[in-house]
Amino acid sequence: MSRYFVTGATGFLGGRILEQLARAGHTIVALARDPDRIDRRAAPGIEWAIGDVTDKESMRGPMIGTGGVFHVAGWYKVGVRDKSRGEAVNVDGTRNVLELMRELQIPKGVYTSTLAVNSDTRGRVVDESYAYHGPHLSEYDRTKAAAHEIAARLTDAGLPLVIVQPGMIYGPGDEGPSHDLFADYLKRRLPVVPKGTAFCWAHVEDVARGHLLAMEKGRAGESYHLAGPVHSLAEVLETAERLTGIPPPRLAAPPWLLRGMSRLMGVVERVVRVPAVYSSETLRVSAGTTYLGDNAKARRELGWEPRELEVGLAETLRAEMEASETPERTVR
């Protein structure tokens, strides 16, 4: 069994990675920025260390003596007014973790990148050889792309690092974009569905398992798409309707309309505060964009198998209903 250092340990994905590592019998040094978010009742074998990826020296002691690093921590916000944490966490934090891993000569690491570094693939399902060099649609995309470049440069220089790139992660307990989508859907608060917008949908447990497989089987210097099945937002909500009986919005917003609204809101938000869901950035990201990746390499080399959307979505919607006490509804 091994001893691993994990950043982002109190997050949605990081927490699942901790659980799976502990079940496999490993010991874990889990980094937490906020002591109040630490679950002391979590699985045995977890040692908590207070630190921050933006403070390199706060991680040095906890990382010493570990046999591997999972760098999962990231800033994931779209449409928020204050974007300063994006550069600090995603770019500077990644540089800190990976440089420290090199200094301490940690034998292997897994870094959590994202399919978003490729921006809008315009309907193409791209593989790991694809490279995008244009402007990005959001600050999240831009900063994760910059962090990905840092990781790639360090691996080229010999750092024993494996890069994994999830798509849209969903599942019970999420507090991010997919949670907002399903919560609004269940409460019938979705006014429209963006036409053509599509993602690769992977259940959080599958993505966590992909990280462990990357540590075990992944080749240093390689990237792997932990991309679930491809579905448009419309298809996802149609599946949700089959499971719950709750109809999704029937009005589809075309990309040209959302892009126009994005430009308009770009002017408005200079003078008034705009809710994140209606921000120019959110509308731009929603305007028929596709963040799509081919997972054949992860299947072939890691033995990774993501579940079908309907299976994972049933569990997710059931948990969301229980948490929100949605009345008179069940999931088939």
C-alpha atoms as a PDB file:
ATOM      1  CA  MET A   1       0.000   0.000   0.000  1.00  0.00           C
ATOM      2  CA  SER A   2       1.108   3.564  -0.670  1.00  0.00           C
ATOM      3  CA  ARG A   3       0.999   6.941   1.029  1.00  0.00           C
ATOM      4  CA  TYR A   4      -0.473   9.724  -1.126  1.00  0.00           C
ATOM      5  CA  PHE A   5      -0.707  13.503  -0.892  1.00  0.00           C
ATOM      6  CA  VAL A   6      -4.019  14.925  -2.169  1.00  0.00           C
ATOM      7  CA  THR A   7      -4.949  18.548  -2.859  1.00  0.00           C
ATOM      8  CA  GLY A   8      -8.582  19.591  -3.218  1.00  0.00           C
ATOM      9  CA  ALA A   9      -9.389  16.966  -0.625  1.00  0.00           C
ATOM     10  CA  THR A  10     -12.519  18.708   0.706  1.00  0.00           C
ATOM     11  CA  GLY A  11     -14.009  19.185  -2.759  1.00  0.00           C
ATOM     12  CA  PHE A  12     -16.599  17.209  -4.713  1.00  0.00           C
ATOM     13  CA  LEU A  13     -14.120  15.121  -6.717  1.00  0.00           C
ATOM     14  CA  GLY A  14     -11.283  15.180  -4.186  1.00  0.00           C
ATOM     15  CA  GLY A  15     -13.522  13.751  -1.492  1.00  0.00           C
ATOM     16  CA  ARG A  16     -14.428  10.770  -3.680  1.00  0.00           C
ATOM     17  CA  ILE A  17     -10.754  10.171  -4.460  1.00  0.00           C
ATOM     18  CA  LEU A  18     -10.003  10.117  -0.719  1.00  0.00           C
ATOM     19  CA  GLU A  19     -12.751   7.566  -0.129  1.00  0.00           C
ATOM     20  CA  GLN A  20     -11.578   5.275  -2.916  1.00  0.00           C
ATOM     21  CA  LEU A  21      -7.940   5.474  -1.831  1.00  0.00           C
ATOM     22  CA  ALA A  22      -8.908   4.677   1.763  1.00  0.00           C
ATOM     23  CA  ARG A  23     -11.058   1.713   0.687  1.00  0.00           C
ATOM     24  CA  ALA A  24      -8.081   0.381  -1.265  1.00  0.00           C
ATOM     25  CA  GLY A  25      -6.018   0.431   1.931  1.00  0.00           C
ATOM     26  CA  HIS A  26      -3.781   3.409   1.162  1.00  0.00           C
ATOM     27  CA  THR A  27      -2.868   6.115   3.666  1.00  0.00           C
ATOM     28  CA  ILE A  28      -3.518   9.700   2.616  1.00  0.00           C
ATOM     29  CA  VAL A  29      -2.236  13.125   3.576  1.00  0.00           C
ATOM     30  CA  ALA A  30      -5.172  15.349   2.646  1.00  0.00           C
ATOM     31  CA  LEU A  31      -4.651  19.088   2.195  1.00  0.00           C
ATOM     32  CA  ALA A  32      -7.406  21.408   3.425  1.00  0.00           C
ATOM     33  CA  ARG A  33      -7.416  25.199   3.199  1.00  0.00           C
ATOM     34  CA  ASP A  34     -10.419  25.600   5.482  1.00  0.00           C
ATOM     35  CA  PRO A  35     -10.371  23.540   8.709  1.00  0.00           C
ATOM     36  CA  ASP A  36     -14.152  23.888   8.988  1.00  0.00           C
ATOM     37  CA  ARG A  37     -14.593  21.777   5.847  1.00  0.00           C
ATOM     38  CA  ILE A  38     -12.704  18.802   7.219  1.00  0.00           C
ATOM     39  CA  ASP A  39     -14.879  15.776   7.924  1.00  0.00           C
ATOM     40  CA  ARG A  40     -13.184  14.129  10.892  1.00  0.00           C
ATOM     41  CA  ARG A  41     -15.546  11.165  10.524  1.00  0.00           C
ATOM     42  CA  ALA A  42     -14.187  10.365   7.076  1.00  0.00           C
ATOM     43  CA  ALA A  43     -12.625   7.034   6.225  1.00  0.00           C
ATOM     44  CA  PRO A  44      -9.674   5.813   8.314  1.00  0.00           C
ATOM     45  CA  GLY A  45      -6.184   6.279   6.968  1.00  0.00           C
ATOM     46  CA  ILE A  46      -6.619   9.984   6.238  1.00  0.00           C
ATOM     47  CA  GLU A  47      -4.278  12.520   7.845  1.00  0.00           C
ATOM     48  CA  TRP A  48      -5.402  16.124   7.439  1.00  0.00           C
ATOM     49  CA  ALA A  49      -2.914  18.916   6.828  1.00  0.00           C
ATOM     50  CA  ILE A  50      -3.869  22.595   6.829  1.00  0.00           C
ATOM     51  CA  GLY A  51      -2.407  24.401   3.839  1.00  0.00           C
ATOM     52  CA  ASP A  52      -3.108  26.136   0.568  1.00  0.00           C
ATOM     53  CA  VAL A  53      -1.874  25.434  -2.949  1.00  0.00           C
ATOM     54  CA  THR A  54      -1.173  29.169  -3.280  1.00  0.00           C
ATOM     55  CA  ASP A  55       1.312  28.868  -0.387  1.00  0.00           C
ATOM     56  CA  LYS A  56       4.045  26.508  -1.552  1.00  0.00           C
ATOM     57  CA  GLU A  57       5.769  26.142   1.798  1.00  0.00           C
ATOM     58  CA  SER A  58       2.535  25.143   3.542  1.00  0.00           C
ATOM     59  CA  MET A  59       2.620  21.925   1.504  1.00  0.00           C
ATOM     60  CA  ARG A  60       6.273  21.003   1.865  1.00  0.00           C
ATOM     61  CA  GLY A  61       6.088  19.189   5.211  1.00  0.00           C
ATOM     62  CA  PRO A  62       2.880  17.260   4.407  1.00  0.00           C
ATOM     63  CA  MET A  63       4.212  16.170   0.996  1.00  0.00           C
ATOM     64  CA  ILE A  64       7.553  14.882   2.281  1.00  0.00           C
ATOM     65  CA  GLY A  65       7.720  11.092   2.358  1.00  0.00           C
ATOM     66  CA  THR A  66       4.656  10.457   0.203  1.00  0.00           C
ATOM     67  CA  GLY A  67       4.826   8.049  -2.712  1.00  0.00           C
ATOM     68  CA  GLY A  68       2.519   9.955  -5.021  1.00  0.00           C
ATOM     69  CA  VAL A  69       0.634  13.229  -5.465  1.00  0.00           C
ATOM     70  CA  PHE A  70      -2.920  13.794  -6.661  1.00  0.00           C
ATOM     71  CA  HIS A  71      -3.265  17.495  -7.534  1.00  0.00           C
ATOM     72  CA  VAL A  72      -7.025  17.900  -7.743  1.00  0.00           C
ATOM     73  CA  ALA A  73      -7.560  21.389  -6.277  1.00  0.00           C
ATOM     74  CA  GLY A  74      -8.969  23.960  -8.659  1.00  0.00           C
ATOM     75  CA  TRP A  75     -11.040  27.110  -8.936  1.00  0.00           C
ATOM     76  CA  TYR A  76     -14.191  26.324 -10.918  1.00  0.00           C
ATOM     77  CA  LYS A  77     -16.427  29.342 -11.351  1.00  0.00           C
ATOM     78  CA  VAL A  78     -18.204  30.731 -14.411  1.00  0.00           C
ATOM     79  CA  GLY A  79     -19.919  34.097 -14.503  1.00  0.00           C
ATOM     80  CA  VAL A  80     -18.741  35.376 -11.133  1.00  0.00           C
ATOM     81  CA  ARG A  81     -17.621  38.976 -10.762  1.00  0.00           C
ATOM     82  CA  ASP A  82     -14.432  38.308  -8.778  1.00  0.00           C
ATOM     83  CA  LYS A  83     -12.174  36.087 -10.872  1.00  0.00           C
ATOM     84  CA  SER A  84      -8.910  36.744  -9.022  1.00  0.00           C
ATOM     85  CA  ARG A  85      -8.788  33.277  -7.454  1.00  0.00           C
ATOM     86  CA  GLY A  86      -8.649  31.667 -10.885  1.00  0.00           C
ATOM     87  CA  GLU A  87      -5.086  32.749 -11.617  1.00  0.00           C
ATOM     88  CA  ALA A  88      -3.958  32.195  -8.030  1.00  0.00           C
ATOM     89  CA  VAL A  89      -5.348  28.683  -7.600  1.00  0.00           C
ATOM     90  CA  ASN A  90      -5.350  27.190 -11.076  1.00  0.00           C
ATOM     91  CA  VAL A  91      -2.103  28.650 -12.415  1.00  0.00           C
ATOM     92  CA  ASP A  92       0.112  29.593  -9.456  1.00  0.00           C
ATOM     93  CA  GLY A  93      -1.220  26.745  -7.329  1.00  0.00           C
ATOM     94  CA  THR A  94      -0.500  24.148  -9.992  1.00  0.00           C
ATOM     95  CA  ARG A  95       3.016  25.509 -10.467  1.00  0.00           C
ATOM     96  CA  ASN A  96       3.580  25.349  -6.691  1.00  0.00           C
ATOM     97  CA  VAL A  97       2.381  21.757  -6.324  1.00  0.00           C
ATOM     98  CA  LEU A  98       4.270  20.395  -9.319  1.00  0.00           C
ATOM     99  CA  GLU A  99       7.510  22.265  -8.590  1.00  0.00           C
ATOM    100  CA  LEU A 100       7.390  20.978  -5.017  1.00  0.00           C
ATOM    101  CA  MET A 101       6.777  17.465  -6.310  1.00  0.00           C
ATOM    102  CA  ARG A 102       9.922  17.823  -8.431  1.00  0.00           C
ATOM    103  CA  GLU A 103      11.988  19.275  -5.571  1.00  0.00           C
ATOM    104  CA  LEU A 104      10.975  16.446  -3.227  1.00  0.00           C
ATOM    105  CA  GLN A 105      11.465  13.839  -5.960  1.00  0.00           C
ATOM    106  CA  ILE A 106       8.011  12.341  -5.544  1.00  0.00           C
ATOM    107  CA  PRO A 107       7.909   9.162  -7.694  1.00  0.00           C
ATOM    108  CA  LYS A 108       4.624   9.891  -9.510  1.00  0.00           C
ATOM    109  CA  GLY A 109       1.786  12.390  -9.720  1.00  0.00           C
ATOM    110  CA  VAL A 110      -1.657  12.745 -11.268  1.00  0.00           C
ATOM    111  CA  TYR A 111      -2.855  16.226 -12.220  1.00  0.00           C
ATOM    112  CA  THR A 112      -6.536  17.011 -12.792  1.00  0.00           C
ATOM    113  CA  SER A 113      -6.817  19.119 -15.927  1.00  0.00           C
ATOM    114  CA  THR A 114     -10.034  19.390 -17.978  1.00  0.00           C
ATOM    115  CA  LEU A 115     -11.446  19.049 -21.482  1.00  0.00           C
ATOM    116  CA  ALA A 116     -12.154  22.786 -21.233  1.00  0.00           C
ATOM    117  CA  VAL A 117      -8.521  23.526 -22.111  1.00  0.00           C
ATOM    118  CA  ASN A 118      -9.582  22.683 -25.681  1.00  0.00           C
ATOM    119  CA  SER A 119     -12.345  25.295 -25.608  1.00  0.00           C
ATOM    120  CA  ASP A 120     -15.307  24.822 -27.978  1.00  0.00           C
ATOM    121  CA  THR A 121     -14.556  21.811 -30.192  1.00  0.00           C
ATOM    122  CA  ARG A 122     -17.420  22.819 -32.516  1.00  0.00           C
ATOM    123  CA  GLY A 123     -18.992  19.387 -32.510  1.00  0.00           C
ATOM    124  CA  ARG A 124     -15.754  17.415 -32.901  1.00  0.00           C
ATOM    125  CA  VAL A 125     -14.907  14.674 -30.414  1.00  0.00           C
ATOM    126  CA  VAL A 126     -11.162  15.250 -30.124  1.00  0.00           C
ATOM    127  CA  ASP A 127      -8.451  13.004 -28.703  1.00  0.00           C
ATOM    128  CA  GLU A 128      -5.406  13.792 -26.561  1.00  0.00           C
ATOM    129  CA  SER A 129      -3.334  14.890 -29.571  1.00  0.00           C
ATOM    130  CA  TYR A 130      -5.623  17.888 -30.150  1.00  0.00           C
ATOM    131  CA  ALA A 131      -4.196  21.288 -29.209  1.00  0.00           C
ATOM    132  CA  TYR A 132      -6.085  24.576 -29.030  1.00  0.00           C
ATOM    133  CA  HIS A 133      -4.245  27.912 -29.090  1.00  0.00           C
ATOM    134  CA  GLY A 134      -6.968  30.539 -29.471  1.00  0.00           C
ATOM    135  CA  PRO A 135      -8.877  32.737 -27.011  1.00  0.00           C
ATOM    136  CA  HIS A 136     -10.922  31.034 -24.300  1.00  0.00           C
ATOM    137  CA  LEU A 137     -14.589  31.442 -23.459  1.00  0.00           C
ATOM    138  CA  SER A 138     -14.194  31.830 -19.698  1.00  0.00           C
ATOM    139  CA  GLU A 139     -11.596  32.634 -17.068  1.00  0.00           C
ATOM    140  CA  TYR A 140     -11.873  29.064 -15.838  1.00  0.00           C
ATOM    141  CA  ASP A 141     -10.983  27.733 -19.299  1.00  0.00           C
ATOM    142  CA  ARG A 142      -8.113  30.210 -19.683  1.00  0.00           C
ATOM    143  CA  THR A 143      -6.512  29.541 -16.318  1.00  0.00           C
ATOM    144  CA  LYS A 144      -6.866  25.771 -16.602  1.00  0.00           C
ATOM    145  CA  ALA A 145      -5.290  25.929 -20.070  1.00  0.00           C
ATOM    146  CA  ALA A 146      -2.371  27.910 -18.638  1.00  0.00           C
ATOM    147  CA  ALA A 147      -2.010  25.368 -15.824  1.00  0.00           C
ATOM    148  CA  HIS A 148      -2.128  22.512 -18.344  1.00  0.00           C
ATOM    149  CA  GLU A 149       0.764  24.108 -20.226  1.00  0.00           C
ATOM    150  CA  ILE A 150       2.789  24.338 -17.002  1.00  0.00           C
ATOM    151  CA  ALA A 151       2.142  20.646 -16.322  1.00  0.00           C
ATOM    152  CA  ALA A 152       3.050  19.681 -19.889  1.00  0.00           C
ATOM    153  CA  ARG A 153       6.317  21.646 -19.783  1.00  0.00           C
ATOM    154  CA  LEU A 154       7.333  20.007 -16.520  1.00  0.00           C
ATOM    155  CA  THR A 155       6.540  16.515 -17.819  1.00  0.00           C
ATOM    156  CA  ASP A 156       8.599  17.270 -20.928  1.00  0.00           C
ATOM    157  CA  ALA A 157      11.445  18.127 -18.554  1.00  0.00           C
ATOM    158  CA  GLY A 158      11.111  14.752 -16.842  1.00  0.00           C
ATOM    159  CA  LEU A 159       8.528  15.185 -14.088  1.00  0.00           C
ATOM    160  CA  PRO A 160       6.816  11.770 -13.614  1.00  0.00           C
ATOM    161  CA  LEU A 161       3.315  13.173 -14.035  1.00  0.00           C
ATOM    162  CA  VAL A 162       0.121  11.835 -15.602  1.00  0.00           C
ATOM    163  CA  ILE A 163      -2.496  14.359 -16.720  1.00  0.00           C
ATOM    164  CA  VAL A 164      -6.185  13.445 -16.669  1.00  0.00           C
ATOM    165  CA  GLN A 165      -8.868  15.538 -18.354  1.00  0.00           C
ATOM    166  CA  PRO A 166     -12.460  15.062 -17.173  1.00  0.00           C
ATOM    167  CA  GLY A 167     -15.416  16.589 -18.940  1.00  0.00           C
ATOM    168  CA  MET A 168     -18.632  17.490 -17.124  1.00  0.00           C
ATOM    169  CA  ILE A 169     -18.599  15.793 -13.715  1.00  0.00           C
ATOM    170  CA  TYR A 170     -21.934  15.114 -12.032  1.00  0.00           C
ATOM    171  CA  GLY A 171     -23.267  13.075  -9.146  1.00  0.00           C
ATOM    172  CA  PRO A 172     -24.771  13.299  -5.658  1.00  0.00           C
ATOM    173  CA  GLY A 173     -23.245  15.994  -3.489  1.00  0.00           C
ATOM    174  CA  ASP A 174     -22.163  18.313  -6.275  1.00  0.00           C
ATOM    175  CA  GLU A 175     -22.288  22.051  -5.663  1.00  0.00           C
ATOM    176  CA  GLY A 176     -21.199  23.147  -9.130  1.00  0.00           C
ATOM    177  CA  PRO A 177     -22.816  23.790 -12.523  1.00  0.00           C
ATOM    178  CA  SER A 178     -24.426  20.362 -12.956  1.00  0.00           C
ATOM    179  CA  HIS A 179     -26.036  20.652  -9.523  1.00  0.00           C
ATOM    180  CA  ASP A 180     -27.459  24.062 -10.439  1.00  0.00           C
ATOM    181  CA  LEU A 181     -28.811  22.654 -13.704  1.00  0.00           C
ATOM    182  CA  PHE A 182     -30.590  19.714 -12.077  1.00  0.00           C
ATOM    183  CA  ALA A 183     -31.847  21.713  -9.090  1.00  0.00           C
ATOM    184  CA  ASP A 184     -33.401  24.330 -11.373  1.00  0.00           C
ATOM    185  CA  TYR A 185     -34.854  21.616 -13.614  1.00  0.00           C
ATOM    186  CA  LEU A 186     -36.519  19.819 -10.707  1.00  0.00           C
ATOM    187  CA  LYS A 187     -37.985  23.108  -9.467  1.00  0.00           C
ATOM    188  CA  ARG A 188     -39.121  24.018 -13.014  1.00  0.00           C
ATOM    189  CA  ARG A 189     -36.954  27.131 -12.986  1.00  0.00           C
ATOM    190  CA  LEU A 190     -35.190  26.534 -16.302  1.00  0.00           C
ATOM    191  CA  PRO A 191     -36.634  29.034 -18.785  1.00  0.00           C
ATOM    192  CA  VAL A 192     -34.884  27.685 -21.901  1.00  0.00           C
ATOM    193  CA  VAL A 193     -32.395  25.045 -23.033  1.00  0.00           C
ATOM    194  CA  PRO A 194     -29.320  26.212 -24.997  1.00  0.00           C
ATOM    195  CA  LYS A 195     -29.526  24.604 -28.419  1.00  0.00           C
ATOM    196  CA  GLY A 196     -26.550  22.484 -29.449  1.00  0.00           C
ATOM    197  CA  THR A 197     -24.600  22.794 -26.187  1.00  0.00           C
ATOM    198  CA  ALA A 198     -23.018  19.445 -25.336  1.00  0.00           C
ATOM    199  CA  PHE A 199     -20.595  17.896 -22.862  1.00  0.00           C
ATOM    200  CA  CYS A 200     -19.064  14.543 -21.961  1.00  0.00           C
ATOM    201  CA  TRP A 201     -20.948  13.494 -18.828  1.00  0.00           C
ATOM    202  CA  ALA A 202     -19.029  11.389 -16.295  1.00  0.00           C
ATOM    203  CA  HIS A 203     -20.240  10.343 -12.851  1.00  0.00           C
ATOM    204  CA  VAL A 204     -17.980  11.569 -10.041  1.00  0.00           C
ATOM    205  CA  GLU A 205     -17.271   8.035  -8.794  1.00  0.00           C
ATOM    206  CA  ASP A 206     -16.078   7.030 -12.264  1.00  0.00           C
ATOM    207  CA  VAL A 207     -13.838  10.096 -12.553  1.00  0.00           C
ATOM    208  CA  ALA A 208     -12.364   9.386  -9.117  1.00  0.00           C
ATOM    209  CA  ARG A 209     -11.695   5.790 -10.139  1.00  0.00           C
ATOM    210  CA  GLY A 210     -10.017   7.110 -13.297  1.00  0.00           C
ATOM    211  CA  HIS A 211      -7.585   9.058 -11.120  1.00  0.00           C
ATOM    212  CA  LEU A 212      -6.604   5.922  -9.199  1.00  0.00           C
ATOM    213  CA  LEU A 213      -6.170   4.010 -12.459  1.00  0.00           C
ATOM    214  CA  ALA A 214      -4.009   6.832 -13.797  1.00  0.00           C
ATOM    215  CA  MET A 215      -1.746   6.573 -10.760  1.00  0.00           C
ATOM    216  CA  GLU A 216      -1.590   2.791 -11.075  1.00  0.00           C
ATOM    217  CA  LYS A 217      -1.393   2.320 -14.850  1.00  0.00           C
ATOM    218  CA  GLY A 218      -0.969   5.721 -16.496  1.00  0.00           C
ATOM    219  CA  ARG A 219       2.234   6.450 -18.362  1.00  0.00           C
ATOM    220  CA  ALA A 220       4.184   9.461 -17.107  1.00  0.00           C
ATOM    221  CA  GLY A 221       4.100  12.271 -19.641  1.00  0.00           C
ATOM    222  CA  GLU A 222       0.759  11.159 -21.077  1.00  0.00           C
ATOM    223  CA  SER A 223      -2.706  12.699 -20.909  1.00  0.00           C
ATOM    224  CA  TYR A 224      -5.963  10.760 -20.648  1.00  0.00           C
ATOM    225  CA  HIS A 225      -9.485  11.989 -21.327  1.00  0.00           C
ATOM    226  CA  LEU A 226     -11.772  10.884 -18.486  1.00  0.00           C
ATOM    227  CA  ALA A 227     -14.685  11.784 -20.711  1.00  0.00           C
ATOM    228  CA  GLY A 228     -18.078  10.226 -20.188  1.00  0.00           C
ATOM    229  CA  PRO A 229     -20.771   9.699 -22.830  1.00  0.00           C
ATOM    230  CA  VAL A 230     -21.485  12.640 -25.146  1.00  0.00           C
ATOM    231  CA  HIS A 231     -24.894  14.243 -24.638  1.00  0.00           C
ATOM    232  CA  SER A 232     -26.372  17.623 -25.412  1.00  0.00           C
ATOM    233  CA  LEU A 233     -28.137  19.483 -22.610  1.00  0.00           C
ATOM    234  CA  ALA A 234     -31.411  18.799 -24.388  1.00  0.00           C
ATOM    235  CA  GLU A 235     -30.691  15.045 -24.381  1.00  0.00           C
ATOM    236  CA  VAL A 236     -29.762  15.106 -20.700  1.00  0.00           C
ATOM    237  CA  LEU A 237     -33.034  16.804 -19.783  1.00  0.00           C
ATOM    238  CA  GLU A 238     -35.011  14.413 -21.980  1.00  0.00           C
ATOM    239  CA  THR A 239     -33.413  11.564 -20.041  1.00  0.00           C
ATOM    240  CA  ALA A 240     -34.310  13.325 -16.799  1.00  0.00           C
ATOM    241  CA  GLU A 241     -37.925  13.581 -17.946  1.00  0.00           C
ATOM    242  CA  ARG A 242     -38.051   9.824 -18.575  1.00  0.00           C
ATOM    243  CA  LEU A 243     -36.773   9.261 -15.056  1.00  0.00           C
ATOM    244  CA  THR A 244     -38.898  11.782 -13.177  1.00  0.00           C
ATOM    245  CA  GLY A 245     -41.838  12.705 -15.380  1.00  0.00           C
ATOM    246  CA  ILE A 246     -40.959  16.390 -14.988  1.00  0.00           C
ATOM    247  CA  PRO A 247     -40.992  18.090 -18.394  1.00  0.00           C
ATOM    248  CA  PRO A 248     -37.965  20.192 -19.332  1.00  0.00           C
ATOM    249  CA  PRO A 249     -38.310  23.573 -21.058  1.00  0.00           C
ATOM    250  CA  ARG A 250     -39.553  23.219 -24.613  1.00  0.00           C
ATOM    251  CA  LEU A 251     -37.990  26.473 -25.770  1.00  0.00           C
ATOM    252  CA  ALA A 252     -34.507  26.077 -27.273  1.00  0.00           C
ATOM    253  CA  ALA A 253     -32.256  29.147 -27.383  1.00  0.00           C
ATOM    254  CA  PRO A 254     -30.150  29.232 -30.570  1.00  0.00           C
ATOM    255  CA  PRO A 255     -26.425  30.058 -30.310  1.00  0.00           C
ATOM    256  CA  TRP A 256     -26.746  33.367 -32.180  1.00  0.00           C
ATOM    257  CA  LEU A 257     -29.311  34.601 -29.649  1.00  0.00           C
ATOM    258  CA  LEU A 258     -27.155  33.666 -26.638  1.00  0.00           C
ATOM    259  CA  ARG A 259     -24.080  35.278 -28.200  1.00  0.00           C
ATOM    260  CA  GLY A 260     -26.065  38.451 -28.785  1.00  0.00           C
ATOM    261  CA  MET A 261     -27.321  38.431 -25.216  1.00  0.00           C
ATOM    262  CA  SER A 262     -23.749  37.865 -24.021  1.00  0.00           C
ATOM    263  CA  ARG A 263     -22.552  41.003 -25.784  1.00  0.00           C
ATOM    264  CA  LEU A 264     -25.455  42.980 -24.337  1.00  0.00           C
ATOM    265  CA  MET A 265     -24.827  41.739 -20.816  1.00  0.00           C
ATOM    266  CA  GLY A 266     -21.151  42.585 -21.231  1.00  0.00           C
ATOM    267  CA  VAL A 267     -22.215  46.217 -21.391  1.00  0.00           C
ATOM    268  CA  VAL A 268     -24.835  45.973 -18.640  1.00  0.00           C
ATOM    269  CA  GLU A 269     -22.568  44.281 -16.085  1.00  0.00           C
ATOM    270  CA  ARG A 270     -20.087  47.134 -16.252  1.00  0.00           C
ATOM    271  CA  VAL A 271     -22.543  49.310 -14.361  1.00  0.00           C
ATOM    272  CA  VAL A 272     -24.756  46.884 -12.390  1.00  0.00           C
ATOM    273  CA  ARG A 273     -24.217  43.563 -10.679  1.00  0.00           C
ATOM    274  CA  VAL A 274     -25.628  40.704 -12.742  1.00  0.00           C
ATOM    275  CA  PRO A 275     -26.470  37.207 -11.385  1.00  0.00           C
ATOM    276  CA  ALA A 276     -23.851  34.687 -12.516  1.00  0.00           C
ATOM    277  CA  VAL A 277     -26.383  32.666 -14.509  1.00  0.00           C
ATOM    278  CA  TYR A 278     -27.140  35.722 -16.697  1.00  0.00           C
ATOM    279  CA  SER A 279     -23.575  37.032 -16.977  1.00  0.00           C
ATOM    280  CA  SER A 280     -21.922  37.597 -20.343  1.00  0.00           C
ATOM    281  CA  GLU A 281     -19.443  34.807 -19.569  1.00  0.00           C
ATOM    282  CA  THR A 282     -22.135  32.247 -18.712  1.00  0.00           C
ATOM    283  CA  LEU A 283     -24.143  33.095 -21.814  1.00  0.00           C
ATOM    284  CA  ARG A 284     -21.025  32.880 -23.980  1.00  0.00           C
ATOM    285  CA  VAL A 285     -20.121  29.437 -22.620  1.00  0.00           C
ATOM    286  CA  SER A 286     -23.730  28.267 -23.161  1.00  0.00           C
ATOM    287  CA  ALA A 287     -24.056  29.432 -26.765  1.00  0.00           C
ATOM    288  CA  GLY A 288     -24.040  26.103 -28.589  1.00  0.00           C
ATOM    289  CA  THR A 289     -20.581  25.198 -27.300  1.00  0.00           C
ATOM    290  CA  THR A 290     -19.296  21.637 -27.207  1.00  0.00           C
ATOM    291  CA  TYR A 291     -16.581  20.441 -24.829  1.00  0.00           C
ATOM    292  CA  LEU A 292     -16.030  16.972 -26.241  1.00  0.00           C
ATOM    293  CA  GLY A 293     -13.244  14.425 -25.839  1.00  0.00           C
ATOM    294  CA  ASP A 294     -12.617  10.838 -26.959  1.00  0.00           C
ATOM    295  CA  ASN A 295     -12.010   8.429 -24.060  1.00  0.00           C
ATOM    296  CA  ALA A 296     -10.643   5.533 -26.147  1.00  0.00           C
ATOM    297  CA  LYS A 297      -7.113   5.963 -24.783  1.00  0.00           C
ATOM    298  CA  ALA A 298      -8.294   5.890 -21.163  1.00  0.00           C
ATOM    299  CA  ARG A 299     -10.361   2.786 -21.875  1.00  0.00           C
ATOM    300  CA  ARG A 300      -7.495   1.053 -23.657  1.00  0.00           C
ATOM    301  CA  GLU A 301      -4.555   1.920 -21.385  1.00  0.00           C
ATOM    302  CA  LEU A 302      -6.209   2.411 -17.997  1.00  0.00           C
ATOM    303  CA  GLY A 303      -9.155   0.031 -18.276  1.00  0.00           C
ATOM    304  CA  TRP A 304     -11.489   2.925 -17.451  1.00  0.00           C
ATOM    305  CA  GLU A 305     -15.217   2.337 -18.029  1.00  0.00           C
ATOM    306  CA  PRO A 306     -17.664   5.198 -17.326  1.00  0.00           C
ATOM    307  CA  ARG A 307     -21.289   4.361 -16.656  1.00  0.00           C
ATOM    308  CA  GLU A 308     -24.098   5.341 -18.993  1.00  0.00           C
ATOM    309  CA  LEU A 309     -25.809   8.662 -18.340  1.00  0.00           C
ATOM    310  CA  GLU A 310     -29.211   7.210 -17.431  1.00  0.00           C
ATOM    311  CA  VAL A 311     -27.713   5.060 -14.670  1.00  0.00           C
ATOM    312  CA  GLY A 312     -25.753   7.889 -13.058  1.00  0.00           C
ATOM    313  CA  LEU A 313     -28.469  10.464 -13.607  1.00  0.00           C
ATOM    314  CA  ALA A 314     -31.094   8.382 -11.798  1.00  0.00           C
ATOM    315  CA  GLU A 315     -28.909   8.284  -8.686  1.00  0.00           C
ATOM    316  CA  THR A 316     -28.102  11.989  -8.962  1.00  0.00           C
ATOM    317  CA  LEU A 317     -31.702  13.132  -9.371  1.00  0.00           C
ATOM    318  CA  ARG A 318     -32.854  10.905  -6.537  1.00  0.00           C
ATOM    319  CA  ALA A 319     -30.269  12.459  -4.223  1.00  0.00           C
ATOM    320  CA  GLU A 320     -31.162  15.959  -5.376  1.00  0.00           C
ATOM    321  CA  MET A 321     -34.840  15.346  -4.700  1.00  0.00           C
ATOM    322  CA  GLU A 322     -34.100  14.060  -1.215  1.00  0.00           C
ATOM    323  CA  ALA A 323     -31.858  17.025  -0.434  1.00  0.00           C
ATOM    324  CA  SER A 324     -34.370  19.587  -1.689  1.00  0.00           C
ATOM    325  CA  GLU A 325     -37.414  17.675  -0.417  1.00  0.00           C
ATOM    326  CA  THR A 326     -39.017  17.847  -3.858  1.00  0.00           C
ATOM    327  CA  PRO A 327     -42.644  16.824  -3.196  1.00  0.00           C
ATOM    328  CA  GLU A 328     -44.578  13.996  -4.845  1.00  0.00           C
ATOM    329  CA  ARG A 329     -41.781  12.912  -7.145  1.00  0.00           C
ATOM    330  CA  THR A 330     -39.869   9.686  -7.583  1.00  0.00           C
ATOM    331  CA  VAL A 331     -37.157   8.557  -9.942  1.00  0.00           C
ATOM    332  CA  ARG A 332     -37.954   5.541 -12.067  1.00  0.00           C
END
